[in-house]
Structures are given as structure tokens and as C-alpha cells.
N, C-alpha and C. Protein backbone atom coordinates (compact mmCIF):
# COMPACT_ATOMS: atom_id res chain seq x y z
N UNK A 1 95.30 121.53 95.48
CA UNK A 1 94.81 120.65 96.53
C UNK A 1 95.88 119.59 96.83
N UNK A 2 96.08 119.33 98.10
CA UNK A 2 97.08 118.37 98.52
C UNK A 2 96.61 116.94 98.23
N UNK A 3 97.50 116.17 97.68
CA UNK A 3 97.21 114.76 97.39
C UNK A 3 97.56 113.93 98.61
N UNK A 4 96.66 113.02 99.00
CA UNK A 4 96.96 112.17 100.14
C UNK A 4 97.36 110.78 99.66
N UNK A 5 98.17 110.12 100.46
CA UNK A 5 98.59 108.75 100.14
C UNK A 5 97.51 107.79 100.62
N UNK A 6 96.84 107.16 99.68
CA UNK A 6 95.80 106.22 100.05
C UNK A 6 96.37 104.95 100.67
N UNK A 7 97.56 104.55 100.26
CA UNK A 7 98.21 103.39 100.88
C UNK A 7 98.48 103.68 102.35
N UNK A 8 99.04 104.85 102.63
CA UNK A 8 99.31 105.22 104.03
C UNK A 8 98.02 105.32 104.81
N UNK A 9 96.98 105.87 104.21
CA UNK A 9 95.68 105.97 104.88
C UNK A 9 95.15 104.59 105.23
N UNK A 10 95.23 103.65 104.28
CA UNK A 10 94.78 102.28 104.54
C UNK A 10 95.59 101.66 105.67
N UNK A 11 96.91 101.85 105.64
CA UNK A 11 97.77 101.30 106.69
C UNK A 11 97.40 101.89 108.05
N UNK A 12 97.18 103.20 108.11
CA UNK A 12 96.84 103.84 109.38
C UNK A 12 95.52 103.30 109.93
N UNK A 13 94.53 103.13 109.08
CA UNK A 13 93.24 102.59 109.52
C UNK A 13 93.39 101.16 110.05
N UNK A 14 94.14 100.35 109.35
CA UNK A 14 94.31 98.95 109.74
C UNK A 14 95.17 98.84 110.99
N UNK A 15 96.19 99.66 111.09
CA UNK A 15 97.09 99.62 112.25
C UNK A 15 96.30 99.81 113.55
N UNK A 16 95.23 100.60 113.49
CA UNK A 16 94.43 100.88 114.68
C UNK A 16 93.64 99.67 115.18
N UNK A 17 93.43 98.67 114.34
CA UNK A 17 92.62 97.53 114.79
C UNK A 17 93.41 96.22 114.92
N UNK A 18 94.63 96.17 114.37
CA UNK A 18 95.38 94.91 114.40
C UNK A 18 96.24 94.78 115.64
N UNK A 19 96.42 93.52 116.06
CA UNK A 19 97.26 93.19 117.21
C UNK A 19 98.06 91.93 116.87
N UNK A 20 99.18 91.72 117.55
CA UNK A 20 99.89 90.45 117.38
C UNK A 20 98.93 89.28 117.62
N UNK A 21 99.00 88.29 116.76
CA UNK A 21 98.12 87.14 116.87
C UNK A 21 96.94 87.17 115.93
N UNK A 22 96.65 88.32 115.33
CA UNK A 22 95.52 88.42 114.41
C UNK A 22 95.82 87.72 113.08
N UNK A 23 94.74 87.38 112.37
CA UNK A 23 94.83 86.75 111.05
C UNK A 23 94.41 87.78 110.02
N UNK A 24 95.19 87.92 108.94
CA UNK A 24 94.92 88.92 107.91
C UNK A 24 95.14 88.31 106.52
N UNK A 25 94.66 89.06 105.52
CA UNK A 25 94.82 88.63 104.12
C UNK A 25 95.28 89.83 103.29
N UNK A 26 96.31 89.61 102.48
CA UNK A 26 96.64 90.54 101.41
C UNK A 26 96.13 89.87 100.14
N UNK A 27 95.01 90.36 99.63
CA UNK A 27 94.34 89.72 98.50
C UNK A 27 95.04 89.97 97.17
N UNK A 28 95.94 90.95 97.14
CA UNK A 28 96.68 91.30 95.92
C UNK A 28 98.11 91.63 96.33
N UNK A 29 98.96 90.63 96.45
CA UNK A 29 100.29 90.78 97.02
C UNK A 29 101.14 91.82 96.30
N UNK A 30 101.12 91.83 94.98
CA UNK A 30 101.94 92.80 94.25
C UNK A 30 103.41 92.71 94.63
N UNK A 31 104.01 93.83 94.99
CA UNK A 31 105.43 93.84 95.37
C UNK A 31 105.65 93.61 96.86
N UNK A 32 104.59 93.30 97.59
CA UNK A 32 104.72 92.88 98.98
C UNK A 32 104.67 93.97 100.04
N UNK A 33 104.40 95.20 99.66
CA UNK A 33 104.41 96.28 100.64
C UNK A 33 103.30 96.10 101.68
N UNK A 34 102.08 95.81 101.24
CA UNK A 34 100.98 95.59 102.18
C UNK A 34 101.19 94.29 102.97
N UNK A 35 101.74 93.29 102.32
CA UNK A 35 102.00 92.01 102.99
C UNK A 35 102.97 92.22 104.15
N UNK A 36 104.05 92.93 103.89
CA UNK A 36 105.03 93.24 104.93
C UNK A 36 104.39 94.05 106.05
N UNK A 37 103.62 95.06 105.70
CA UNK A 37 102.94 95.87 106.70
C UNK A 37 102.06 94.99 107.59
N UNK A 38 101.24 94.12 106.98
CA UNK A 38 100.36 93.25 107.77
C UNK A 38 101.17 92.32 108.67
N UNK A 39 102.24 91.74 108.13
CA UNK A 39 103.07 90.83 108.92
C UNK A 39 103.68 91.55 110.12
N UNK A 40 104.12 92.78 109.93
CA UNK A 40 104.69 93.55 111.05
C UNK A 40 103.66 93.78 112.15
N UNK A 41 102.40 93.91 111.78
CA UNK A 41 101.35 94.17 112.77
C UNK A 41 100.98 92.92 113.56
N UNK A 42 100.98 91.76 112.91
CA UNK A 42 100.45 90.55 113.56
C UNK A 42 101.53 89.60 114.09
N UNK A 43 102.79 89.82 113.73
CA UNK A 43 103.88 88.95 114.19
C UNK A 43 104.05 89.11 115.70
N UNK A 44 104.57 88.12 116.38
CA UNK A 44 105.05 86.84 115.85
C UNK A 44 104.00 85.74 115.83
N UNK A 45 102.87 85.95 116.50
CA UNK A 45 101.92 84.86 116.67
C UNK A 45 100.74 84.89 115.69
N UNK A 46 100.62 85.94 114.89
CA UNK A 46 99.53 86.04 113.92
C UNK A 46 99.92 85.44 112.59
N UNK A 47 99.08 85.69 111.59
CA UNK A 47 99.37 85.11 110.28
C UNK A 47 98.80 85.99 109.17
N UNK A 48 99.54 86.04 108.06
CA UNK A 48 99.12 86.74 106.86
C UNK A 48 99.03 85.72 105.72
N UNK A 49 97.90 85.69 105.05
CA UNK A 49 97.74 84.91 103.84
C UNK A 49 97.80 85.90 102.68
N UNK A 50 98.69 85.67 101.73
CA UNK A 50 98.84 86.56 100.59
C UNK A 50 98.52 85.84 99.30
N UNK A 51 97.77 86.52 98.43
CA UNK A 51 97.35 85.94 97.15
C UNK A 51 97.84 86.80 95.99
N UNK A 52 98.33 86.15 94.96
CA UNK A 52 98.62 86.82 93.70
C UNK A 52 98.69 85.76 92.62
N UNK A 53 98.27 86.12 91.41
CA UNK A 53 98.31 85.15 90.31
C UNK A 53 99.68 85.11 89.65
N UNK A 54 100.52 86.11 89.93
CA UNK A 54 101.82 86.19 89.26
C UNK A 54 102.95 85.67 90.16
N UNK A 55 103.71 84.74 89.63
CA UNK A 55 104.85 84.20 90.38
C UNK A 55 105.85 85.29 90.72
N UNK A 56 106.02 86.28 89.83
CA UNK A 56 106.95 87.38 90.09
C UNK A 56 106.56 88.14 91.36
N UNK A 57 105.28 88.30 91.59
CA UNK A 57 104.81 88.98 92.80
C UNK A 57 105.09 88.14 94.04
N UNK A 58 104.84 86.86 93.95
CA UNK A 58 105.11 85.96 95.08
C UNK A 58 106.60 85.97 95.40
N UNK A 59 107.45 85.87 94.38
CA UNK A 59 108.90 85.85 94.59
C UNK A 59 109.39 87.15 95.22
N UNK A 60 108.92 88.30 94.70
CA UNK A 60 109.35 89.59 95.23
C UNK A 60 108.94 89.75 96.69
N UNK A 61 107.76 89.28 97.02
CA UNK A 61 107.26 89.38 98.39
C UNK A 61 108.04 88.47 99.32
N UNK A 62 108.30 87.25 98.88
CA UNK A 62 109.10 86.33 99.70
C UNK A 62 110.46 86.92 100.01
N UNK A 63 111.10 87.49 99.00
CA UNK A 63 112.42 88.09 99.19
C UNK A 63 112.34 89.26 100.18
N UNK A 64 111.34 90.08 100.03
CA UNK A 64 111.16 91.24 100.92
C UNK A 64 110.99 90.78 102.37
N UNK A 65 110.20 89.74 102.59
CA UNK A 65 109.94 89.29 103.95
C UNK A 65 111.07 88.44 104.52
N UNK A 66 111.83 87.76 103.69
CA UNK A 66 113.00 87.01 104.17
C UNK A 66 113.99 87.93 104.87
N UNK A 67 114.12 89.13 104.35
CA UNK A 67 115.06 90.10 104.91
C UNK A 67 114.63 90.60 106.28
N UNK A 68 113.37 90.40 106.65
CA UNK A 68 112.84 90.92 107.91
C UNK A 68 112.75 89.87 109.01
N UNK A 69 112.92 88.64 108.68
CA UNK A 69 112.83 87.54 109.64
C UNK A 69 111.43 87.37 110.22
N UNK A 70 110.40 87.82 109.49
CA UNK A 70 109.03 87.57 109.94
C UNK A 70 108.27 86.72 108.93
N UNK A 71 109.00 86.06 108.05
CA UNK A 71 108.34 85.26 107.01
C UNK A 71 107.65 84.03 107.58
N UNK A 72 107.96 83.65 108.83
CA UNK A 72 107.31 82.47 109.42
C UNK A 72 105.83 82.68 109.69
N UNK A 73 105.38 83.92 109.70
CA UNK A 73 103.94 84.16 109.93
C UNK A 73 103.22 84.45 108.60
N UNK A 74 103.76 83.91 107.52
CA UNK A 74 103.26 84.23 106.19
C UNK A 74 103.01 82.97 105.36
N UNK A 75 101.88 82.95 104.67
CA UNK A 75 101.59 81.93 103.66
C UNK A 75 101.26 82.66 102.37
N UNK A 76 102.10 82.47 101.34
CA UNK A 76 101.86 83.07 100.04
C UNK A 76 101.29 82.02 99.10
N UNK A 77 100.25 82.40 98.39
CA UNK A 77 99.52 81.46 97.54
C UNK A 77 99.42 82.05 96.14
N UNK A 78 100.01 81.34 95.17
CA UNK A 78 99.90 81.79 93.79
C UNK A 78 98.56 81.28 93.24
N UNK A 79 97.55 82.14 93.40
CA UNK A 79 96.20 81.81 92.96
C UNK A 79 95.38 83.09 92.98
N UNK A 80 94.24 83.03 92.36
CA UNK A 80 93.32 84.16 92.36
C UNK A 80 92.73 84.39 93.75
N UNK A 81 92.56 85.64 94.10
CA UNK A 81 91.90 85.95 95.37
C UNK A 81 90.44 85.48 95.37
N UNK A 82 89.92 85.13 94.21
CA UNK A 82 88.53 84.66 94.10
C UNK A 82 88.32 83.28 94.71
N UNK A 83 89.42 82.61 95.08
CA UNK A 83 89.29 81.30 95.73
C UNK A 83 89.89 81.31 97.13
N UNK A 84 89.99 82.50 97.74
CA UNK A 84 90.64 82.57 99.05
C UNK A 84 89.93 81.73 100.10
N UNK A 85 88.63 81.59 100.03
CA UNK A 85 87.93 80.79 101.04
C UNK A 85 88.34 79.32 100.98
N UNK A 86 88.66 78.83 99.80
CA UNK A 86 89.09 77.44 99.66
C UNK A 86 90.54 77.24 100.11
N UNK A 87 91.34 78.30 100.10
CA UNK A 87 92.76 78.19 100.43
C UNK A 87 93.07 78.52 101.89
N UNK A 88 92.12 79.13 102.59
CA UNK A 88 92.31 79.49 103.99
C UNK A 88 91.54 78.50 104.85
N UNK A 89 92.16 77.94 105.88
CA UNK A 89 91.47 76.95 106.70
C UNK A 89 90.10 77.44 107.18
N UNK A 90 89.11 76.56 107.08
CA UNK A 90 87.72 76.91 107.41
C UNK A 90 87.58 77.42 108.84
N UNK A 91 88.41 76.92 109.76
CA UNK A 91 88.28 77.36 111.15
C UNK A 91 88.71 78.82 111.34
N UNK A 92 89.33 79.41 110.33
CA UNK A 92 89.71 80.83 110.40
C UNK A 92 88.65 81.75 109.80
N UNK A 93 87.70 81.18 109.06
CA UNK A 93 86.63 81.98 108.47
C UNK A 93 85.85 82.64 109.60
N UNK A 94 85.60 83.93 109.46
CA UNK A 94 84.94 84.68 110.51
C UNK A 94 85.90 85.27 111.53
N UNK A 95 87.19 84.96 111.37
CA UNK A 95 88.21 85.46 112.31
C UNK A 95 89.27 86.31 111.62
N UNK A 96 89.04 86.70 110.39
CA UNK A 96 90.00 87.51 109.65
C UNK A 96 89.79 88.98 110.03
N UNK A 97 90.82 89.63 110.58
CA UNK A 97 90.68 90.99 111.10
C UNK A 97 90.84 92.06 110.03
N UNK A 98 91.63 91.79 108.99
CA UNK A 98 91.84 92.79 107.93
C UNK A 98 92.11 92.07 106.62
N UNK A 99 91.52 92.63 105.55
CA UNK A 99 91.75 92.13 104.20
C UNK A 99 92.04 93.33 103.32
N UNK A 100 93.20 93.32 102.68
CA UNK A 100 93.62 94.44 101.83
C UNK A 100 93.59 94.05 100.37
N UNK A 101 93.05 94.95 99.55
CA UNK A 101 93.08 94.83 98.10
C UNK A 101 93.73 96.09 97.54
N UNK A 102 94.68 95.92 96.63
CA UNK A 102 95.25 97.03 95.89
C UNK A 102 95.12 96.64 94.42
N UNK A 103 94.08 97.15 93.79
CA UNK A 103 93.68 96.70 92.46
C UNK A 103 94.58 97.27 91.36
N UNK A 104 94.42 96.75 90.15
CA UNK A 104 95.20 97.24 89.02
C UNK A 104 96.26 96.24 88.59
N UNK A 105 97.46 96.76 88.34
CA UNK A 105 98.55 95.91 87.85
C UNK A 105 99.73 95.96 88.81
N UNK A 106 100.64 95.02 88.62
CA UNK A 106 101.85 94.93 89.43
C UNK A 106 102.81 96.06 89.03
N UNK A 107 103.07 97.01 89.94
CA UNK A 107 104.01 98.08 89.59
C UNK A 107 105.37 97.49 89.19
N UNK A 108 105.86 97.92 88.05
CA UNK A 108 107.13 97.41 87.54
C UNK A 108 106.98 96.10 86.79
N UNK A 109 105.76 95.57 86.74
CA UNK A 109 105.51 94.29 86.08
C UNK A 109 104.80 94.48 84.75
N UNK A 110 104.22 93.41 84.29
CA UNK A 110 103.50 93.39 83.01
C UNK A 110 102.16 94.12 83.19
N UNK A 111 102.02 95.29 82.59
CA UNK A 111 100.81 96.11 82.77
C UNK A 111 99.60 95.53 82.05
N UNK A 112 99.80 94.49 81.25
CA UNK A 112 98.65 93.86 80.61
C UNK A 112 97.99 92.86 81.56
N UNK A 113 98.67 92.49 82.65
CA UNK A 113 98.10 91.59 83.65
C UNK A 113 97.54 92.46 84.78
N UNK A 114 96.22 92.54 84.82
CA UNK A 114 95.55 93.40 85.80
C UNK A 114 94.50 92.59 86.56
N UNK A 115 94.08 93.15 87.69
CA UNK A 115 92.98 92.50 88.39
C UNK A 115 91.74 92.55 87.49
N UNK A 116 90.96 91.51 87.57
CA UNK A 116 89.77 91.38 86.72
C UNK A 116 88.52 91.63 87.56
N UNK A 117 87.60 92.40 87.02
CA UNK A 117 86.40 92.78 87.76
C UNK A 117 85.65 91.57 88.30
N UNK A 118 85.47 90.54 87.49
CA UNK A 118 84.70 89.36 87.94
C UNK A 118 85.36 88.69 89.13
N UNK A 119 86.67 88.46 89.06
CA UNK A 119 87.34 87.79 90.18
C UNK A 119 87.41 88.71 91.41
N UNK A 120 87.53 90.01 91.19
CA UNK A 120 87.53 90.94 92.32
C UNK A 120 86.20 90.90 93.04
N UNK A 121 85.09 90.89 92.30
CA UNK A 121 83.77 90.85 92.94
C UNK A 121 83.55 89.53 93.67
N UNK A 122 84.01 88.42 93.10
CA UNK A 122 83.92 87.13 93.81
C UNK A 122 84.73 87.19 95.09
N UNK A 123 85.94 87.75 95.01
CA UNK A 123 86.79 87.86 96.19
C UNK A 123 86.16 88.74 97.26
N UNK A 124 85.52 89.81 96.85
CA UNK A 124 84.86 90.70 97.81
C UNK A 124 83.70 90.00 98.51
N UNK A 125 82.94 89.22 97.78
CA UNK A 125 81.86 88.46 98.41
C UNK A 125 82.40 87.49 99.44
N UNK A 126 83.49 86.83 99.12
CA UNK A 126 84.13 85.91 100.06
C UNK A 126 84.67 86.70 101.26
N UNK A 127 85.34 87.81 100.99
CA UNK A 127 85.93 88.62 102.05
C UNK A 127 84.87 89.05 103.05
N UNK A 128 83.71 89.47 102.56
CA UNK A 128 82.64 89.91 103.45
C UNK A 128 82.15 88.78 104.34
N UNK A 129 82.20 87.55 103.83
CA UNK A 129 81.74 86.39 104.60
C UNK A 129 82.75 85.94 105.65
N UNK A 130 84.05 86.03 105.34
CA UNK A 130 85.06 85.49 106.26
C UNK A 130 85.64 86.55 107.20
N UNK A 131 85.25 87.81 107.01
CA UNK A 131 85.75 88.90 107.84
C UNK A 131 85.16 88.81 109.25
N UNK A 132 86.00 89.08 110.24
CA UNK A 132 85.55 89.10 111.63
C UNK A 132 84.69 90.33 111.89
N UNK A 133 83.80 90.24 112.86
CA UNK A 133 83.09 91.42 113.34
C UNK A 133 84.15 92.39 113.87
N UNK A 134 84.02 93.65 113.53
CA UNK A 134 84.99 94.71 113.83
C UNK A 134 86.24 94.61 112.96
N UNK A 135 86.19 93.78 111.92
CA UNK A 135 87.28 93.71 110.97
C UNK A 135 87.09 94.74 109.87
N UNK A 136 88.10 94.86 109.00
CA UNK A 136 88.07 95.88 107.95
C UNK A 136 88.58 95.31 106.62
N UNK A 137 87.94 95.73 105.54
CA UNK A 137 88.41 95.47 104.19
C UNK A 137 88.79 96.82 103.60
N UNK A 138 90.00 96.90 103.05
CA UNK A 138 90.38 98.12 102.32
C UNK A 138 90.59 97.75 100.86
N UNK A 139 90.06 98.61 99.97
CA UNK A 139 90.17 98.37 98.53
C UNK A 139 90.69 99.65 97.88
N UNK A 140 91.88 99.59 97.36
CA UNK A 140 92.44 100.73 96.64
C UNK A 140 92.18 100.52 95.15
N UNK A 141 91.40 101.43 94.56
CA UNK A 141 90.98 101.29 93.16
C UNK A 141 91.51 102.46 92.33
N UNK A 142 91.81 102.16 91.08
CA UNK A 142 92.44 103.13 90.18
C UNK A 142 91.63 103.29 88.90
N UNK A 143 90.65 104.20 88.89
CA UNK A 143 89.98 104.50 87.63
C UNK A 143 90.91 105.34 86.75
N UNK A 144 90.46 105.72 85.60
CA UNK A 144 91.30 106.54 84.73
C UNK A 144 91.78 105.80 83.51
N UNK A 145 91.57 104.49 83.47
CA UNK A 145 91.80 103.69 82.27
C UNK A 145 90.60 102.76 82.13
N UNK A 146 90.28 102.28 80.93
CA UNK A 146 89.01 101.57 80.71
C UNK A 146 88.75 100.43 81.70
N UNK A 147 89.69 99.53 81.88
CA UNK A 147 89.46 98.41 82.80
C UNK A 147 89.38 98.89 84.25
N UNK A 148 90.17 99.88 84.59
CA UNK A 148 90.14 100.44 85.94
C UNK A 148 88.84 101.17 86.23
N UNK A 149 88.30 101.85 85.22
CA UNK A 149 87.01 102.53 85.37
C UNK A 149 85.91 101.52 85.69
N UNK A 150 85.86 100.46 84.90
CA UNK A 150 84.83 99.44 85.09
C UNK A 150 84.98 98.79 86.47
N UNK A 151 86.19 98.39 86.82
CA UNK A 151 86.40 97.73 88.11
C UNK A 151 86.02 98.65 89.27
N UNK A 152 86.43 99.91 89.20
CA UNK A 152 86.09 100.87 90.26
C UNK A 152 84.59 101.04 90.38
N UNK A 153 83.90 101.18 89.24
CA UNK A 153 82.44 101.31 89.27
C UNK A 153 81.77 100.09 89.89
N UNK A 154 82.26 98.91 89.53
CA UNK A 154 81.66 97.68 90.06
C UNK A 154 81.95 97.53 91.56
N UNK A 155 83.13 97.91 92.00
CA UNK A 155 83.45 97.88 93.43
C UNK A 155 82.55 98.86 94.19
N UNK A 156 82.37 100.03 93.62
CA UNK A 156 81.47 101.03 94.23
C UNK A 156 80.05 100.46 94.35
N UNK A 157 79.56 99.85 93.29
CA UNK A 157 78.24 99.23 93.31
C UNK A 157 78.15 98.13 94.36
N UNK A 158 79.20 97.31 94.44
CA UNK A 158 79.24 96.23 95.44
C UNK A 158 79.13 96.82 96.85
N UNK A 159 79.90 97.86 97.11
CA UNK A 159 79.87 98.50 98.42
C UNK A 159 78.47 99.03 98.75
N UNK A 160 77.82 99.60 97.75
CA UNK A 160 76.48 100.17 97.96
C UNK A 160 75.43 99.09 98.23
N UNK A 161 75.69 97.86 97.81
CA UNK A 161 74.73 96.76 98.01
C UNK A 161 74.88 96.09 99.38
N UNK A 162 75.94 96.40 100.12
CA UNK A 162 76.16 95.75 101.41
C UNK A 162 75.06 96.12 102.39
N UNK A 163 74.76 95.19 103.26
CA UNK A 163 73.76 95.41 104.31
C UNK A 163 74.31 96.43 105.30
N UNK A 164 73.64 97.58 105.43
CA UNK A 164 74.17 98.63 106.30
C UNK A 164 73.97 98.35 107.78
N UNK A 165 73.33 97.24 108.10
CA UNK A 165 73.26 96.80 109.50
C UNK A 165 74.50 95.97 109.86
N UNK A 166 75.18 95.46 108.84
CA UNK A 166 76.39 94.66 109.04
C UNK A 166 77.66 95.39 108.69
N UNK A 167 77.60 96.33 107.74
CA UNK A 167 78.81 96.97 107.22
C UNK A 167 78.65 98.48 107.12
N UNK A 168 79.73 99.19 107.41
CA UNK A 168 79.83 100.63 107.13
C UNK A 168 80.86 100.80 106.03
N UNK A 169 80.56 101.68 105.08
CA UNK A 169 81.48 101.90 103.96
C UNK A 169 81.83 103.38 103.89
N UNK A 170 83.11 103.67 103.72
CA UNK A 170 83.59 105.03 103.51
C UNK A 170 84.45 105.03 102.26
N UNK A 171 84.41 106.12 101.52
CA UNK A 171 85.25 106.27 100.34
C UNK A 171 86.13 107.49 100.55
N UNK A 172 87.44 107.29 100.34
CA UNK A 172 88.42 108.36 100.51
C UNK A 172 89.12 108.55 99.17
N UNK A 173 89.17 109.77 98.70
CA UNK A 173 89.79 110.08 97.41
C UNK A 173 91.21 110.60 97.62
N UNK A 174 92.08 110.35 96.64
CA UNK A 174 93.47 110.83 96.73
C UNK A 174 93.54 112.34 96.55
N UNK A 175 92.60 112.88 95.80
CA UNK A 175 92.50 114.33 95.60
C UNK A 175 91.01 114.66 95.70
N UNK A 176 90.59 115.70 95.03
CA UNK A 176 89.16 116.01 95.06
C UNK A 176 88.35 114.91 94.39
N UNK A 177 87.06 114.96 94.54
CA UNK A 177 86.16 113.90 94.05
C UNK A 177 86.07 113.88 92.53
N UNK A 178 87.17 113.60 91.86
CA UNK A 178 87.16 113.46 90.41
C UNK A 178 86.90 112.01 90.05
N UNK A 179 86.21 111.78 88.95
CA UNK A 179 85.92 110.42 88.52
C UNK A 179 87.18 109.61 88.26
N UNK A 180 88.25 110.29 87.84
CA UNK A 180 89.48 109.58 87.49
C UNK A 180 90.44 109.46 88.67
N UNK A 181 90.11 110.02 89.82
CA UNK A 181 91.02 109.99 90.98
C UNK A 181 91.02 108.61 91.63
N UNK A 182 92.21 108.10 91.99
CA UNK A 182 92.25 106.87 92.77
C UNK A 182 91.43 107.04 94.05
N UNK A 183 90.89 105.94 94.53
CA UNK A 183 90.09 106.02 95.75
C UNK A 183 90.26 104.78 96.60
N UNK A 184 90.04 104.97 97.87
CA UNK A 184 90.13 103.91 98.85
C UNK A 184 88.73 103.66 99.41
N UNK A 185 88.25 102.45 99.22
CA UNK A 185 86.99 102.03 99.83
C UNK A 185 87.34 101.32 101.13
N UNK A 186 86.72 101.74 102.22
CA UNK A 186 86.95 101.15 103.52
C UNK A 186 85.65 100.54 103.99
N UNK A 187 85.65 99.21 104.19
CA UNK A 187 84.46 98.49 104.59
C UNK A 187 84.70 97.93 105.98
N UNK A 188 83.97 98.45 106.96
CA UNK A 188 84.06 97.98 108.34
C UNK A 188 82.89 97.07 108.63
N UNK A 189 83.18 95.90 109.20
CA UNK A 189 82.10 95.00 109.61
C UNK A 189 81.69 95.38 111.03
N UNK A 190 80.43 95.75 111.20
CA UNK A 190 79.98 96.23 112.51
C UNK A 190 79.14 95.20 113.26
N UNK A 191 78.65 94.18 112.56
CA UNK A 191 77.93 93.12 113.28
C UNK A 191 77.97 91.82 112.47
């Protein structure tokens, strides 16, 4: 069975709804790939807020975006995504067009530092509140290790609890529907 790139799938879905001037969030900056992608979509008049608890992730992302000359539409915040509502101006709440999460650990970084289920669930609750109507949340989850299994299960449960009059949820697997396969949760706000 052919393996699909869930990162590319998330990018393709988001690319279809973003325009220059939109406001977006990369809730897990990592090495900056999603941050750069979002900035390319919303520049020059839009804005990307990026969150990561690791200074190494913030530094790598800043360097990546400096080379592109679109760093002026970027605010990087070294903090947990669980406090994004406090760090993003209140007048932007309800106007966020896309929020990306790529769970797990920083590729090439300290694998003992991973996203935590509790903070991820807090961040998702905030994301659902500040997301614009017709906006999208993408969550790339990696089961297959104990902490990843728990986080993926809890994200799945969170998605199932959403009001289906306000949100549509789709799950896309990287391969067949195996419990250990990475998956992309796509949450569209419909009202």
C-alpha cells in the first residue's frame, strides 16, 4: 500500500482556504516547516503566530524564515500552545483561519521533550474557540510509542466530542487504518 505524506496533505488542505492577509497559528513550531508554509500563504499582509516550548525550535524557525524575507509577518513565542489565547491579541480571536499541530518531538532534537497530552487538549479547546468560521485545524499525531498512543487516543476522543453542528472532523491515515499508523485529524469549523 502506498504511504501518503500527511504533512503534504495538511498543506494542500490549508492552501485551499488561506489568502494573503489571513491570520494563522503554528501551535508546534518544531523546525519551522509548517511555519514557513503558513507565512508563504498569508504574506505580505497576514500574520503567523508560532508556539514552541524549545528555544532550539524558535531559533531554527527564525533562521529558516530570515532567509526568505517574510519574517516580518511572523511572531514566534517560546511558550506552550496551551496559553495561545493569552498570547494572541483578543481582537484576533474568532479570526484565525488555520491552526496547525504536529505532535510528538522535535525532529533532530531531544526526543525526551514531547508534546504533552494535557497541554495539547487545552490548546485544542482554545483553538476551537478562536478559530474563524470556515477555518481549519490540522493535527498530525504519531501513535506507536506509549506517550504518542495516549496523546493520539485523547485527540481522537476530543474530536469525537466536538459539536457536529459547528465542526466537521475527518481522519486521514498515512497507510491503512493501523492503530500504530500516523494520522491527520482535520477539523473544519462550519458555523
